[in-house]
Protein backbone atom coordinates (compact mmCIF):
# COMPACT_ATOMS: atom_id res chain seq x y z
CA MET A 1 131.91 126.66 115.12
CA ARG A 2 130.32 123.48 114.53
CA ALA A 3 126.96 124.70 113.43
CA GLY A 4 127.98 126.19 111.02
CA ASN A 5 128.85 123.14 109.66
CA ILE A 6 125.90 121.03 109.79
CA PHE A 7 124.76 121.45 106.41
CA ALA A 8 128.08 121.38 104.57
CA THR A 9 129.01 118.32 106.21
CA THR A 10 126.06 116.68 105.64
CA ILE A 11 125.89 117.17 102.33
CA LEU A 12 129.11 115.40 101.98
CA ALA A 13 128.07 112.71 103.70
CA ILE A 14 125.08 111.69 101.74
CA PHE A 15 127.24 111.67 98.41
CA ILE A 16 130.49 110.27 99.40
CA SER A 17 130.49 108.27 102.65
CA GLY A 18 126.70 107.59 103.54
CA SER A 19 127.52 108.94 106.99
CA VAL A 20 127.78 112.05 108.96
CA ASN A 21 128.35 109.93 112.04
CA ALA A 22 131.57 112.11 112.68
CA ALA A 23 130.72 115.57 110.87
CA ASP A 24 131.90 117.51 114.20
CA THR A 25 135.18 115.39 114.33
CA ALA A 26 135.90 115.68 110.41
CA ALA A 27 136.00 119.50 110.99
CA THR A 28 138.28 119.56 114.42
CA LEU A 29 140.75 117.16 112.26
CA ASN A 30 140.55 119.53 109.71
CA GLN A 31 141.16 122.66 112.24
CA ALA A 32 143.80 120.60 113.99
CA GLN A 33 145.95 119.96 110.77
CA GLU A 34 145.61 123.68 110.31
CA LEU A 35 146.92 124.35 113.64
CA ILE A 36 149.82 121.81 113.13
CA LYS A 37 151.29 123.66 109.99
CA GLN A 38 151.15 127.06 112.42
CA LYS A 39 153.28 124.75 114.77
CA ASP A 40 150.38 125.96 117.26
CA TYR A 41 150.70 122.38 118.93
CA ALA A 42 149.15 123.73 122.50
CA ALA A 43 146.01 125.55 120.45
CA ALA A 44 145.66 121.57 118.41
CA LYS A 45 145.88 119.64 121.84
CA GLY A 46 143.18 121.68 123.09
CA LEU A 47 140.79 121.25 120.12
CA LEU A 48 141.52 117.47 120.00
CA ALA A 49 140.87 117.04 123.81
CA ARG A 50 137.86 118.98 123.73
CA GLN A 51 136.31 116.61 120.45
CA LEU A 52 137.80 113.33 122.37
CA LYS A 53 135.33 114.31 125.46
CA THR A 54 132.60 113.54 123.19
CA ASP A 55 134.10 111.21 121.24
CA ARG A 56 136.52 109.26 123.18
CA ASN A 57 136.14 106.03 120.50
CA SER A 58 137.09 107.80 117.46
CA TYR A 59 140.95 106.37 116.31
CA LYS A 60 141.17 109.08 113.81
CA LEU A 61 141.46 111.86 116.95
CA TRP A 62 144.04 109.65 119.00
CA LEU A 63 145.83 109.35 115.77
CA ALA A 64 146.12 113.09 115.27
CA LEU A 65 146.79 113.88 119.04
CA GLY A 66 149.54 111.26 118.50
CA TYR A 67 150.62 113.80 115.43
CA VAL A 68 150.48 116.88 117.59
CA TYR A 69 152.70 115.19 120.23
CA GLU A 70 155.27 114.00 117.97
CA ALA A 71 155.39 117.40 116.21
CA ASP A 72 156.29 118.82 119.86
CA ASN A 73 158.57 115.95 120.44
CA ASP A 74 156.69 114.48 123.20
CA TYR A 75 157.24 110.97 122.23
CA GLU A 76 155.93 109.39 125.39
CA GLN A 77 152.38 111.34 125.09
CA ALA A 78 152.70 110.68 121.45
CA LEU A 79 153.38 106.88 122.05
CA LYS A 80 150.31 106.74 124.72
CA ALA A 81 147.72 107.85 121.98
CA PHE A 82 149.26 106.11 119.19
CA MET A 83 148.78 102.92 120.89
CA ARG A 84 144.76 104.21 122.06
CA ALA A 85 144.56 104.72 118.43
CA SER A 86 145.69 100.80 117.19
CA GLU A 87 143.22 99.60 120.13
CA LEU A 88 140.29 100.86 118.50
CA GLN A 89 141.47 100.55 114.52
CA THR A 90 143.65 97.77 114.10
CA GLY A 91 145.70 97.33 110.91
CA ILE A 92 145.97 100.79 110.24
CA GLU A 93 148.68 101.35 107.43
CA GLY A 94 152.53 102.25 108.73
CA LEU A 95 151.24 102.84 112.14
CA ALA A 96 152.94 99.61 113.67
CA THR A 97 156.36 101.03 112.49
CA ARG A 98 155.59 104.10 113.72
CA ILE A 99 154.99 102.85 117.15
CA ASN A 100 158.29 100.66 117.25
CA ARG A 101 160.13 103.62 115.98
CA LEU A 102 158.35 105.88 119.18
CA GLN A 103 159.41 102.83 121.53
CA GLU A 104 163.14 103.55 120.52
CA LEU A 105 163.10 107.29 120.70
CA VAL A 106 161.13 107.06 124.13
CA LYS A 107 164.01 105.02 125.40
CA SER A 108 166.32 107.34 124.32
CA GLN A 109 164.76 110.79 125.17
CA PRO A 110 165.67 112.30 128.46
CA LYS A 111 162.78 112.22 130.80
CA LYS A 112 161.46 115.22 129.48
CA ALA A 113 163.21 117.44 126.81
CA THR A 114 162.07 120.54 128.69
CA ALA A 115 162.13 121.67 132.58
CA ASP A 116 159.02 124.36 131.77
CA ALA A 117 157.32 121.73 129.76
CA THR A 118 157.33 119.45 133.10
CA ASP A 119 156.58 122.14 135.63
CA ALA A 120 153.75 123.38 133.70
CA GLU A 121 151.45 120.28 133.69
CA ALA A 122 152.73 119.05 137.67
CA LYS A 123 151.58 122.70 138.34
CA ALA A 124 148.56 122.20 136.18
CA ARG A 125 147.34 118.33 137.98
CA ASN A 126 148.21 120.04 141.47
CA LEU A 127 145.63 123.26 140.19
CA LEU A 128 143.05 120.93 138.87
CA ASN A 129 143.09 118.70 142.41
CA THR A 130 142.51 122.17 144.30
CA ALA A 131 139.77 123.16 142.35
CA ARG A 132 138.00 119.62 142.89
CA TYR A 133 138.66 119.76 146.58
CA LYS A 134 137.07 123.72 146.70
CA HIS A 135 134.48 122.74 144.51
CA SER A 136 133.79 119.74 146.89
CA PHE A 137 133.33 122.25 149.39
CA LYS A 138 131.03 124.48 147.36
CA GLU A 139 133.82 126.96 146.94
CA TYR A 140 132.27 127.61 143.74
CA LEU A 141 133.87 130.95 142.03
CA GLU A 142 137.46 129.99 143.40
CA SER A 143 137.20 126.56 142.01
CA TYR A 144 136.04 127.70 138.37
CA LYS A 145 138.64 130.69 138.37
CA LEU A 146 141.09 127.47 139.00
CA PHE A 147 140.04 125.20 136.54
CA VAL A 148 140.49 127.92 134.05
CA GLU A 149 144.36 128.68 135.21
CA ALA A 150 144.88 124.90 135.24
CA VAL A 151 143.99 124.24 131.28
CA GLU A 152 145.52 127.17 130.40
CA LEU A 153 148.68 125.66 131.58
CA ASP A 154 147.93 122.12 129.67
CA ARG A 155 144.77 122.02 127.54
CA SER A 156 144.87 118.09 128.02
CA ILE A 157 142.76 118.37 130.73
CA LEU A 158 139.80 119.26 128.67
CA ALA A 159 139.74 115.67 127.89
CA ARG A 160 137.98 115.03 131.29
CA ASP A 161 137.06 117.94 132.77
CA TYR A 162 134.86 116.59 135.83
CA GLY A 163 131.62 118.25 135.19
CA PHE A 164 133.61 121.43 135.42
CA ILE A 165 133.05 123.17 131.97
CA ASP A 166 129.19 122.64 132.06
CA ASN A 167 128.89 123.50 135.57
CA GLY A 168 131.61 126.83 135.06
CA LEU A 169 129.62 127.75 131.98
CA LYS A 170 125.85 127.55 134.09
CA TYR A 171 127.42 129.57 136.99
CA PHE A 172 129.21 132.47 135.44
CA SER A 173 125.59 132.45 132.92
CA GLU A 174 123.99 133.38 136.20
CA ASN A 175 126.12 135.45 137.34
CA ALA A 176 127.36 137.32 134.31
CA ASN A 177 127.02 141.02 135.73
CA GLN A 178 129.63 140.46 138.41
CA PRO A 179 133.30 142.39 137.95
CA GLU A 180 135.45 140.50 135.13
CA HIS A 181 132.94 137.68 135.08
CA GLN A 182 132.86 138.30 131.15
CA PHE A 183 136.44 136.82 130.46
CA TYR A 184 135.42 133.39 132.72
CA LEU A 185 132.26 132.90 130.67
CA GLY A 186 134.08 133.68 127.29
CA ALA A 187 136.60 130.88 128.43
CA TYR A 188 133.94 128.63 129.47
CA ASN A 189 132.36 128.95 126.19
CA PHE A 190 135.44 128.42 124.24
CA TYR A 191 135.89 124.93 126.55
CA ALA A 192 132.59 123.96 125.24
CA GLY A 193 133.00 124.48 121.83
CA LEU A 194 130.48 127.75 121.51
CA TYR A 195 133.24 129.68 119.63
CA PRO A 196 130.76 132.97 119.19
CA LYS A 197 129.15 133.11 121.89
CA SER A 198 133.02 132.84 123.27
CA GLU A 199 134.39 135.77 121.08
CA GLU A 200 131.57 137.90 122.07
CA MET A 201 132.28 137.52 125.75
CA LEU A 202 136.22 137.80 125.29
CA ALA A 203 135.83 141.06 123.16
CA ASP A 204 134.06 142.58 125.90
CA TYR A 205 135.90 141.74 128.63
CA ILE A 206 138.80 143.64 126.58
CA ARG A 207 136.47 146.41 126.02
CA ASP A 208 135.57 146.75 129.60
CA TYR A 209 138.71 146.32 131.26
CA PRO A 210 141.53 146.70 129.40
CA LYS A 211 143.74 146.52 132.13
CA GLY A 212 142.03 143.26 134.08
CA THR A 213 143.76 140.78 135.62
CA GLN A 214 143.34 138.05 132.72
CA ILE A 215 143.74 140.42 129.68
CA GLU A 216 146.60 138.80 128.30
CA THR A 217 145.12 135.09 128.65
CA ALA A 218 141.91 136.85 127.21
CA GLU A 219 143.98 138.21 123.76
CA ASN A 220 145.69 135.27 123.34
CA MET A 221 142.29 133.16 123.51
CA LEU A 222 139.97 135.64 121.51
CA GLN A 223 143.06 135.17 118.56
CA GLU A 224 142.83 131.35 118.63
CA CYS A 225 139.01 131.73 118.93
CA LYS A 226 138.94 133.72 115.33
CA ASP A 227 141.57 131.40 114.12
CA ILE A 228 139.20 128.54 114.54
CA ILE A 229 136.32 130.34 113.47
CA ALA A 230 138.31 131.75 110.28
CA GLN A 231 139.26 128.17 109.74
CA ALA A 232 135.90 126.48 110.06
CA LYS A 233 134.49 128.76 107.61
CA ALA A 234 137.24 128.21 105.11
CA ALA A 235 136.24 124.34 105.80
CA GLN A 236 132.45 124.95 104.96
CA ILE A 237 133.03 126.63 101.88
CA ALA A 238 135.66 124.15 100.80
CA ALA A 239 133.32 121.39 101.77
CA GLU A 240 130.62 122.71 99.84
CA ALA A 241 132.64 123.08 96.72
CA ALA A 242 133.58 119.69 97.31
CA ALA A 243 130.09 118.54 97.66
CA ALA A 244 129.01 120.39 94.36
CA ALA A 245 131.69 119.22 92.13
CA GLU A 246 130.80 115.60 93.58
CA ILE A 247 127.37 116.26 92.54
CA LYS A 248 128.32 116.90 89.18
CA THR A 249 130.43 113.98 88.96
CA VAL A 250 128.12 111.34 90.05
CA ASP A 251 125.50 112.80 87.80
CA ALA A 252 127.94 112.04 84.85
CA ARG A 253 128.88 108.76 85.69
CA VAL A 254 127.30 106.97 87.64
CA ALA A 255 124.53 104.69 85.88
CA PRO A 256 121.09 104.07 87.05
CA ALA A 257 121.19 100.71 89.05
CA SER A 258 117.93 100.01 89.61
CA VAL A 259 116.01 99.65 86.10
CA SER A 260 117.45 97.29 83.37
CA SER A 261 116.09 98.98 80.78
CA ASP A 262 114.86 102.69 79.74
CA THR A 263 110.84 101.27 79.67
CA ALA A 264 111.81 98.74 82.90
CA GLN A 265 110.02 99.83 86.26
CA PRO A 266 111.53 99.19 89.70
CA TYR A 267 109.59 96.43 91.74
CA VAL A 268 108.19 98.31 95.15
CA VAL A 269 106.10 96.32 97.70
CA LYS A 270 102.49 97.77 98.50
CA TYR A 271 101.93 98.57 102.13
CA ALA A 272 99.82 100.21 104.46
CA GLU A 273 100.94 103.88 105.79
CA PRO A 274 102.14 103.09 109.23
CA GLN A 275 99.68 104.71 112.07
CA PHE A 276 101.66 106.03 115.18
CA SER A 277 100.33 106.15 118.63
CA ASP A 278 101.63 108.39 121.06
CA ILE A 279 105.17 106.58 122.51
CA PRO A 280 105.52 107.23 126.26
CA LEU A 281 108.50 108.88 127.22
CA GLN A 282 110.59 106.23 129.57
CA GLN A 283 112.64 107.21 132.60
CA ASP A 284 115.17 104.81 134.32
CA ASP A 285 114.00 102.53 137.62
CA ALA A 286 115.82 104.94 140.10
CA GLN A 287 113.88 107.65 138.59
CA GLN A 288 110.25 106.29 138.29
CA THR A 289 110.61 104.79 141.78
CA TYR A 290 112.14 108.68 143.11
CA GLY A 291 109.13 110.27 141.07
CA GLU A 292 106.70 108.09 142.80
CA ASN A 293 107.45 108.84 146.62
CA GLN A 294 109.06 112.43 145.81
CA GLY A 295 107.94 114.03 142.51
CA GLU A 296 110.82 114.01 139.87
CA SER A 297 114.39 113.06 140.95
CA PHE A 298 117.32 115.62 141.72
CA ASP A 299 119.39 114.93 138.41
CA LEU A 300 115.80 115.37 136.40
CA ALA A 301 114.37 118.33 137.85
CA MET A 302 117.71 119.80 137.13
CA SER A 303 117.51 119.02 133.97
CA ARG A 304 114.21 120.25 133.04
CA GLU A 305 114.80 123.86 134.29
CA LYS A 306 118.27 123.53 132.13
CA ALA A 307 116.28 122.63 129.03
CA LEU A 308 113.38 124.72 129.64
CA LYS A 309 115.86 127.59 129.94
CA LEU A 310 117.94 127.09 126.48
CA LEU A 311 114.39 126.49 124.84
CA ASN A 312 113.53 129.60 125.93
CA ASP A 313 117.06 131.08 125.10
CA PHE A 314 116.40 128.96 121.58
CA ASP A 315 113.04 131.04 120.83
CA GLN A 316 113.96 134.78 121.83
CA GLU A 317 117.54 134.28 119.45
CA SER A 318 117.18 135.24 116.32
CA ASP A 319 120.41 134.48 115.08
CA TYR A 320 120.13 130.77 113.45
CA GLU A 321 123.37 129.57 113.96
CA LYS A 322 123.45 130.50 117.94
CA LYS A 323 120.04 128.76 117.56
CA TYR A 324 121.38 125.66 116.29
CA ASP A 325 124.13 125.62 119.12
CA ILE A 326 121.19 125.96 121.47
CA LEU A 327 119.34 123.04 120.20
CA TRP A 328 122.63 120.90 120.02
CA ARG A 329 123.33 121.69 123.72
CA ILE A 330 119.62 120.68 124.52
CA GLY A 331 120.98 117.54 122.80
CA VAL A 332 123.67 116.78 125.12
CA ILE A 333 121.43 117.01 128.06
CA ARG A 334 120.32 113.51 126.84
CA GLN A 335 116.89 113.52 128.67
CA PRO A 336 113.43 113.39 126.16
CA LEU A 337 111.64 116.07 128.11
CA PRO A 338 107.64 116.25 126.61
CA GLU A 339 108.52 119.89 126.04
CA VAL A 340 111.82 119.19 123.94
CA MET A 341 110.25 116.88 121.90
CA GLY A 342 107.48 118.67 120.85
CA LYS A 343 109.49 121.40 119.92
CA PHE A 344 111.84 119.27 117.92
CA SER A 345 109.10 117.81 116.55
CA SER A 346 107.94 121.13 115.34
CA LEU A 347 111.32 121.98 114.24
CA LEU A 348 111.58 119.23 111.91
CA GLU A 349 108.58 120.19 109.40
CA ASP A 350 110.57 123.53 109.45
CA ASP A 351 111.13 124.62 105.74
CA LYS A 352 114.76 125.45 106.43
CA ILE A 353 117.10 122.51 105.29
CA GLU A 354 119.52 123.54 108.28
CA THR A 355 117.12 123.58 110.87
CA VAL A 356 116.33 120.19 109.83
CA PHE A 357 119.55 118.92 110.16
CA ALA A 358 120.16 120.76 113.49
CA THR A 359 116.70 119.21 115.01
CA LEU A 360 118.41 115.71 114.14
CA GLU A 361 121.74 115.76 115.23
CA ALA A 362 120.35 117.02 118.48
CA LEU A 363 118.00 113.98 118.61
CA GLU A 364 120.63 111.80 117.81
CA LYS A 365 122.50 113.15 120.72
CA ILE A 366 119.22 112.04 123.03
CA GLY A 367 119.53 109.03 121.40
CA LEU A 368 117.42 105.90 122.11
CA PRO A 369 114.43 105.17 123.68
CA GLY A 370 113.75 108.89 124.14
CA ALA A 371 113.83 110.40 120.53
CA GLU A 372 111.07 107.57 119.03
CA ALA A 373 108.84 110.23 120.38
CA CYS A 374 109.68 112.05 117.32
CA LEU A 375 109.28 108.77 115.41
CA PRO A 376 106.16 110.10 113.09
CA LYS A 377 108.21 113.33 112.34
CA VAL A 378 111.75 111.59 111.49
CA TYR A 379 109.27 109.01 109.11
CA GLN A 380 107.39 111.79 107.28
CA LEU A 381 111.09 113.04 106.34
CA LEU A 382 111.60 110.09 104.62
CA GLY A 383 108.83 111.37 101.64
CA HIS A 384 110.25 114.66 101.77
CA LYS A 385 110.67 116.24 98.02
CA ASP A 386 114.45 117.10 99.26
CA PRO A 387 116.70 114.35 98.67
CA ARG A 388 119.32 115.52 101.19
CA ILE A 389 116.55 115.73 103.88
CA VAL A 390 115.51 112.18 102.86
CA TYR A 391 119.18 110.92 103.11
CA ARG A 392 120.01 112.98 106.43
CA ALA A 393 116.44 110.91 107.95
CA ILE A 394 117.78 107.76 106.70
CA GLU A 395 121.12 108.27 108.50
CA SER A 396 119.11 109.20 111.44
CA PHE A 397 117.21 105.48 111.41
CA SER A 398 120.66 104.00 111.02
CA LYS A 399 121.76 105.67 114.19
CA MET A 400 118.50 104.79 115.76
CA PRO A 401 117.41 101.67 114.42
CA MET A 402 113.68 102.05 115.51
CA HIS A 403 110.30 100.16 114.56
CA ALA A 404 112.03 98.33 111.88
CA ASP A 405 108.32 97.43 110.83
CA LYS A 406 107.32 100.61 109.90
CA ILE A 407 110.64 101.97 108.59
CA VAL A 408 111.86 99.09 106.59
CA PRO A 409 109.69 98.64 104.01
CA ARG A 410 109.50 102.00 103.40
CA LEU A 411 113.37 102.12 103.33
CA PHE A 412 113.20 99.27 100.43
CA ASN A 413 111.02 101.12 98.30
CA ILE A 414 113.10 104.32 98.24
CA TYR A 415 116.09 101.85 97.48
CA GLN A 416 114.16 100.65 94.44
CA THR A 417 113.46 103.64 93.26
CA GLU A 418 116.93 105.27 93.87
CA LYS A 419 119.01 105.67 90.52
CA TYR A 420 122.43 105.96 92.46
CA SER A 421 124.97 103.93 93.85
CA ILE A 422 126.68 105.89 96.37
CA ARG A 423 122.48 106.84 97.84
CA LYS A 424 121.94 102.97 97.79
CA ASN A 425 124.86 102.25 100.12
CA VAL A 426 123.57 104.51 102.46
CA ILE A 427 120.13 102.53 102.92
CA ILE A 428 121.90 99.49 102.79
CA ASN A 429 124.25 100.73 106.03
CA THR A 430 120.64 101.49 107.87
CA PHE A 431 119.44 97.91 107.01
CA LYS A 432 122.49 96.77 108.41
CA SER A 433 122.09 98.97 111.49
CA TYR A 434 118.41 97.19 111.90
CA LYS A 435 120.78 93.46 112.38
CA ASP A 436 118.42 90.65 113.07
CA ASP A 437 114.93 92.94 112.99
CA ALA A 438 115.81 94.00 109.44
CA ILE A 439 116.53 90.61 108.20
CA MET A 440 113.02 89.46 109.40
CA ILE A 441 111.22 92.04 108.15
CA LEU A 442 112.58 91.47 104.11
CA ASP A 443 112.22 87.70 104.90
CA ALA A 444 108.39 88.35 105.89
CA MET A 445 108.28 90.45 102.54
CA ILE A 446 109.87 88.08 100.20
CA LYS A 447 107.28 85.39 101.68
CA GLU A 448 104.73 87.50 100.31
CA ALA A 449 106.18 88.85 97.10
CA GLU A 450 105.64 86.65 93.94
CA GLY A 451 107.44 85.94 90.73
CA PRO A 452 110.47 88.56 89.59
CA GLY A 453 109.34 90.85 93.08
CA LYS A 454 111.12 88.16 95.19
CA ARG A 455 114.67 88.96 93.47
CA PRO A 456 115.20 92.52 94.58
CA LEU A 457 114.48 91.58 97.78
CA ALA A 458 116.74 88.20 98.10
CA GLU A 459 119.32 90.74 96.50
CA ILE A 460 118.91 92.72 99.64
CA ILE A 461 119.11 90.06 102.42
CA SER A 462 122.52 88.61 99.91
CA LEU A 463 123.92 91.73 100.87
CA LEU A 464 123.09 91.34 104.54
CA THR A 465 123.24 88.10 105.04
CA GLY A 466 126.33 86.89 102.72
CA GLU A 467 124.00 83.82 101.46
CA LYS A 468 123.29 83.45 97.96
CA VAL A 469 120.42 85.20 96.18
CA GLU A 470 119.14 81.73 94.48
CA GLU A 471 119.15 80.19 97.64
CA ILE A 472 117.10 82.66 99.21
CA ILE A 473 114.52 82.77 96.54
CA ASN A 474 113.97 79.02 96.71
CA ARG A 475 113.68 79.10 100.53
CA SER A 476 110.83 81.83 100.07
């Protein structure tokens, strides 16, 4: 239940790591750990495979998948997962030894500990191939049913679903009134990670079709869904408690780092508030050419239709948790449509902190250059009275470094007036995301600064370049 974790994981990131880039991954890892403790390896594999679909370069996810396979005595698959983790992140403590040990085990291990596992995987692959074949001939209903059957035999299929999840979810959403389609709608929502909706659909199916052909699978999936939701809620409570404790600890132990005495005032630069002109939405050349001749491209038209439907669903929905799930699904479409960006801009002014966080997360899914359409509103958040929103906006600029000339001076002033080193590190990491653009702007600022005003700028440049502070000052 990813929407429920937005608030808690962001607070933790602000005060502990300075990054919320892996909020969903962290929640997935926590849930997978609980499933491993319960020895529910199939559920753990499915959970990790779903997250790998959107975060394939997370070495932590590959490590976790390796642990699951190893616990399930599938040393060959564990070895593959650990090797992938080692490719993504070098120097992981103890991993080389683990890989060497597994290589020896694979040599001595029978090709498969059980024939049943081999048969299940082989059958799942055959079903997947059949589903793809039928889909190519537009036998959609049969293909989507076969995909579910394949996944329930081998959850690792979710790591590469060939578009079945999105297409199946759309198909059954549009045909929800057909007999027993509630089960498939629940299954596809489950595969998409939309657990509250999945729970609702599966419960409806079990109630309406107590003797349905998929009743056993539905009951098992519903229980799995409830377990994941419960674990997510427990993780959220623990995260909120940890964040509160961390804040108290920071307040008690961190001395102000930006002023040298009680009377000294931090140096800030004077600059005119930037003016933002309308930033045109950008399309790729293929879409532009097609658009000039025949209107929107087919893909863009489909994306627009899907996004507009989701926007309407968002406006109709009263449950905020479900609204945040809808925002995330809009972001996944990755199309900066005017209607979407206009809605996001208005939501960034919302009074609810959770709404702002959810909107920023969806905006980051869209990414650059499209996200620039919301630049004025994200910039405004840098002056918000709630520091949690300020630093969540700063992290958005870290993920989407744009308009260094406008953002870097504002970030420098926030850095200078910030008391806590943990938060200052968030700003430094954002400067690093801007790379040479940040250094160029800071270099121009230090040339304009006079006397003692040069030193704080030189200190930041030194952190970014490794040069000595005195050399930077002398050069300026």
